């Protein structure tokens, strides 16, 4: 009986040496890439470094507060500001910006504006009458983290001008317009009425806690 045998191809020393060179080259290439990336991230020649050289904060003044913050309103407005050229199409000259402005308005009662006889007490010290000034509205306080440019269209001349100036468009006008619209909305709302009601409740509760059984709180314009 004849037994057949399979003969494996013989690997010559030259081929074995070639595979070793190739494996060594691949390992070296991987090491160079990884090392290059690590060195680049460490050196970071194109990176930026932030250095704060601001001067110390200077305290200019301190004032005693004599008012009660009675209510706060939160508002949001979308400002649609468009600027067109007289004789050029919008694609050449003109801008349109959609700006989302969000912020709050505080309503307060200024106790320093109370008259000298603003508080009257009965002889038996069981009744008290208080006359307060009406609530006023603070200037709107825009929240920078929630106020942003939503969309903007610019003509060719405006794009070139912004590019040459090296700075983005001035957004102060957008902030001022948003503050104006929020202020108008606050005046038209019931924010001051809510502040008057809260101030009455606060003053009545405080005087009753001092032992007064009957407390009357009125505003200076009330009979």
Protein backbone atom coordinates (compact mmCIF):
# COMPACT_ATOMS: atom_id res chain seq x y z
CA UNK A 1 0.00 0.00 0.00
CA UNK A 2 1.34 3.37 -1.04
CA UNK A 3 1.02 6.36 1.36
CA UNK A 4 0.75 9.78 -0.28
CA UNK A 5 2.49 12.72 1.40
CA UNK A 6 1.78 16.46 0.92
CA UNK A 7 4.82 18.58 0.47
CA UNK A 8 4.62 22.12 2.02
CA UNK A 9 6.20 24.92 0.07
CA UNK A 10 9.56 25.80 1.44
CA UNK A 11 9.98 29.35 2.82
CA UNK A 12 13.24 30.69 1.60
CA UNK A 13 15.42 32.83 3.90
CA UNK A 14 15.02 35.81 1.58
CA UNK A 15 11.21 35.77 1.79
CA UNK A 16 11.32 35.37 5.59
CA UNK A 17 13.66 38.33 5.85
CA UNK A 18 11.34 40.44 3.65
CA UNK A 19 8.35 39.78 5.93
CA UNK A 20 10.41 40.80 8.93
CA UNK A 21 11.34 44.06 7.27
CA UNK A 22 7.72 44.77 6.39
CA UNK A 23 6.49 44.06 9.95
CA UNK A 24 9.23 46.20 11.40
CA UNK A 25 8.39 49.03 9.01
CA UNK A 26 4.68 48.90 9.97
CA UNK A 27 5.48 48.95 13.68
CA UNK A 28 7.85 51.88 13.16
CA UNK A 29 5.20 53.79 11.15
CA UNK A 30 2.60 53.27 13.89
CA UNK A 31 5.05 54.46 16.54
CA UNK A 32 5.91 57.54 14.48
CA UNK A 33 2.24 58.45 13.97
CA UNK A 34 1.35 57.99 17.65
CA UNK A 35 4.46 59.81 18.81
CA UNK A 36 3.84 62.64 16.36
CA UNK A 37 0.29 63.13 17.57
CA UNK A 38 1.38 63.11 21.20
CA UNK A 39 4.16 65.60 20.49
CA UNK A 40 1.81 67.84 18.49
CA UNK A 41 -0.79 67.87 21.27
CA UNK A 42 1.90 68.61 23.84
CA UNK A 43 3.69 71.35 21.91
CA UNK A 44 0.50 72.64 20.17
CA UNK A 45 2.19 75.33 18.06
CA UNK A 46 -1.12 76.61 16.68
CA UNK A 47 -2.93 76.62 20.01
CA UNK A 48 -3.96 79.68 21.98
CA UNK A 49 -3.18 80.51 25.56
CA UNK A 50 -5.51 82.74 27.54
CA UNK A 51 -3.82 85.11 29.98
CA UNK A 52 -5.97 87.27 32.25
CA UNK A 53 -4.15 90.54 32.96
CA UNK A 54 -7.21 92.37 34.26
CA UNK A 55 -6.71 94.91 37.00
CA UNK A 56 -8.19 94.35 40.47
CA UNK A 57 -11.84 95.30 40.88
CA UNK A 58 -12.24 98.82 42.26
CA UNK A 59 -15.08 99.43 44.70
CA UNK A 60 -16.52 102.82 43.78
CA UNK A 61 -19.38 103.18 46.22
CA UNK A 62 -21.74 101.39 48.60
CA UNK A 63 -25.34 102.44 49.10
CA UNK A 64 -27.84 101.22 51.65
CA UNK A 65 -30.89 99.63 50.05
CA UNK A 66 -34.25 100.92 51.23
CA UNK A 67 -36.57 99.20 48.82
CA UNK A 68 -38.48 95.96 48.60
CA UNK A 69 -38.09 93.79 45.50
CA UNK A 70 -41.70 92.76 45.16
CA UNK A 71 -41.92 90.91 41.84
CA UNK A 72 -39.86 89.82 38.85
CA UNK A 73 -40.99 89.29 35.29
CA UNK A 74 -39.16 87.18 32.70
CA UNK A 75 -39.49 88.25 29.08
CA UNK A 76 -38.28 87.14 25.66
CA UNK A 77 -38.46 89.03 22.38
CA UNK A 78 -37.34 88.33 18.81
CA UNK A 79 -35.88 91.50 17.27
CA UNK A 80 -36.12 91.62 13.47
CA UNK A 81 -33.83 94.47 12.37
CA UNK A 82 -33.42 95.22 8.68
CA UNK A 83 -31.23 97.88 7.06
CA UNK A 84 -31.59 98.55 3.34
CA UNK A 85 -29.67 100.73 0.89
CA UNK A 86 -31.64 103.33 -1.05
CA UNK A 87 -30.62 102.33 -4.58
CA UNK A 88 -28.99 98.90 -4.21
CA UNK A 89 -30.57 95.46 -3.92
CA UNK A 90 -30.27 93.56 -0.64
CA UNK A 91 -27.86 91.07 -2.22
CA UNK A 92 -25.36 93.91 -2.75
CA UNK A 93 -25.94 96.18 0.24
CA UNK A 94 -28.15 95.54 3.23
CA UNK A 95 -28.52 93.46 6.36
CA UNK A 96 -31.29 91.69 8.19
CA UNK A 97 -30.74 90.23 11.66
CA UNK A 98 -32.97 88.11 13.87
CA UNK A 99 -31.93 88.52 17.49
CA UNK A 100 -33.42 86.67 20.47
CA UNK A 101 -33.36 88.83 23.58
CA UNK A 102 -34.23 87.31 26.96
CA UNK A 103 -34.09 88.90 30.36
CA UNK A 104 -35.91 89.97 33.46
CA UNK A 105 -37.48 93.11 34.88
CA UNK A 106 -37.74 93.70 38.62
CA UNK A 107 -40.59 95.63 40.23
CA UNK A 108 -39.79 97.30 43.56
CA UNK A 109 -41.24 99.68 46.13
CA UNK A 110 -38.95 102.42 47.36
CA UNK A 111 -39.50 102.85 51.10
CA UNK A 112 -37.23 105.91 51.16
CA UNK A 113 -39.96 107.77 49.23
CA UNK A 114 -42.46 107.33 52.08
CA UNK A 115 -43.71 110.52 53.70
CA UNK A 116 -42.84 111.38 57.29
CA UNK A 117 -46.38 110.43 58.36
CA UNK A 118 -46.41 107.30 56.20
CA UNK A 119 -47.03 105.10 59.23
CA UNK A 120 -49.66 105.98 61.84
CA UNK A 121 -50.38 103.94 64.97
CA UNK A 122 -53.42 104.06 67.24
CA UNK A 123 -53.00 105.09 70.86
CA UNK A 124 -53.56 101.58 72.15
CA UNK A 125 -51.03 100.29 69.59
CA UNK A 126 -53.42 97.73 68.18
CA UNK A 127 -54.04 99.36 64.78
CA UNK A 128 -51.58 100.64 62.17
CA UNK A 129 -52.05 102.41 58.87
CA UNK A 130 -49.28 102.49 56.25
CA UNK A 131 -49.17 104.56 53.08
CA UNK A 132 -46.70 103.37 50.48
CA UNK A 133 -45.54 104.67 47.11
CA UNK A 134 -46.49 102.67 44.06
CA UNK A 135 -44.16 100.03 42.66
CA UNK A 136 -41.64 101.03 40.02
CA UNK A 137 -39.90 99.02 37.31
CA UNK A 138 -36.19 98.48 37.06
CA UNK A 139 -34.29 98.67 33.79
CA UNK A 140 -34.44 95.35 31.90
CA UNK A 141 -31.54 93.05 32.65
CA UNK A 142 -30.73 90.95 29.57
CA UNK A 143 -29.35 87.47 30.15
CA UNK A 144 -26.30 87.12 27.90
CA UNK A 145 -26.42 83.32 28.10
CA UNK A 146 -29.95 83.34 26.61
CA UNK A 147 -29.61 86.28 24.18
CA UNK A 148 -28.10 85.54 20.79
CA UNK A 149 -28.24 86.23 17.04
CA UNK A 150 -30.58 83.62 15.59
CA UNK A 151 -30.07 84.39 11.88
CA UNK A 152 -28.41 87.05 9.78
CA UNK A 153 -28.41 87.98 6.10
CA UNK A 154 -25.81 90.34 4.71
CA UNK A 155 -25.16 91.85 1.32
CA UNK A 156 -21.87 91.47 -0.55
CA UNK A 157 -20.55 94.88 0.52
CA UNK A 158 -21.40 94.19 4.17
CA UNK A 159 -19.60 90.83 4.09
CA UNK A 160 -16.49 92.39 2.59
CA UNK A 161 -16.60 95.24 5.11
CA UNK A 162 -16.88 92.81 8.05
CA UNK A 163 -14.03 90.72 6.66
CA UNK A 164 -11.72 93.69 6.23
CA UNK A 165 -12.55 95.11 9.65
CA UNK A 166 -11.61 91.82 11.31
CA UNK A 167 -14.40 92.11 13.85
CA UNK A 168 -18.02 90.98 13.90
CA UNK A 169 -20.88 93.42 13.56
CA UNK A 170 -21.73 95.59 16.52
CA UNK A 171 -24.60 94.09 18.49
CA UNK A 172 -25.17 97.01 20.85
CA UNK A 173 -28.07 98.28 18.76
CA UNK A 174 -29.73 94.87 18.97
CA UNK A 175 -29.36 94.75 22.76
CA UNK A 176 -30.69 98.28 23.16
CA UNK A 177 -33.67 97.55 20.93
CA UNK A 178 -34.40 94.33 22.83
CA UNK A 179 -34.21 96.20 26.15
CA UNK A 180 -36.62 98.83 24.85
CA UNK A 181 -39.17 96.27 23.69
CA UNK A 182 -38.93 94.29 26.93
CA UNK A 183 -39.34 97.49 28.94
CA UNK A 184 -42.47 98.38 26.98
CA UNK A 185 -43.85 94.87 27.52
CA UNK A 186 -43.17 95.11 31.25
CA UNK A 187 -45.04 98.42 31.47
CA UNK A 188 -48.02 96.93 29.63
CA UNK A 189 -48.06 93.83 31.86
CA UNK A 190 -49.49 93.47 35.36
CA UNK A 191 -46.00 93.33 36.89
CA UNK A 192 -46.42 96.54 38.91
CA UNK A 193 -49.88 95.49 40.08
CA UNK A 194 -48.44 92.18 41.27
CA UNK A 195 -45.65 94.05 43.05
CA UNK A 196 -48.17 96.33 44.80
CA UNK A 197 -50.16 93.31 45.98
CA UNK A 198 -47.06 91.50 47.25
CA UNK A 199 -45.86 94.60 49.07
CA UNK A 200 -49.21 95.02 50.81
CA UNK A 201 -49.16 91.39 51.91
CA UNK A 202 -45.56 91.65 53.15
CA UNK A 203 -46.17 94.86 55.12
CA UNK A 204 -49.43 93.58 56.64
CA UNK A 205 -47.83 90.32 57.73
CA UNK A 206 -44.81 92.05 59.22
CA UNK A 207 -46.88 94.49 61.31
CA UNK A 208 -49.23 91.77 62.51
CA UNK A 209 -46.22 89.76 63.66
CA UNK A 210 -45.26 92.79 65.76
CA UNK A 211 -48.58 92.62 67.63
CA UNK A 212 -50.92 94.86 65.62
CA UNK A 213 -54.33 93.27 65.26
CA UNK A 214 -55.58 95.51 62.46
CA UNK A 215 -53.29 96.71 59.68
CA UNK A 216 -54.35 98.92 56.80
CA UNK A 217 -51.97 99.33 53.88
CA UNK A 218 -52.75 101.95 51.25
CA UNK A 219 -50.85 103.68 48.49
CA UNK A 220 -50.28 107.41 48.40
CA UNK A 221 -52.67 107.88 45.46
CA UNK A 222 -55.52 106.11 47.25
CA UNK A 223 -58.08 108.06 49.28
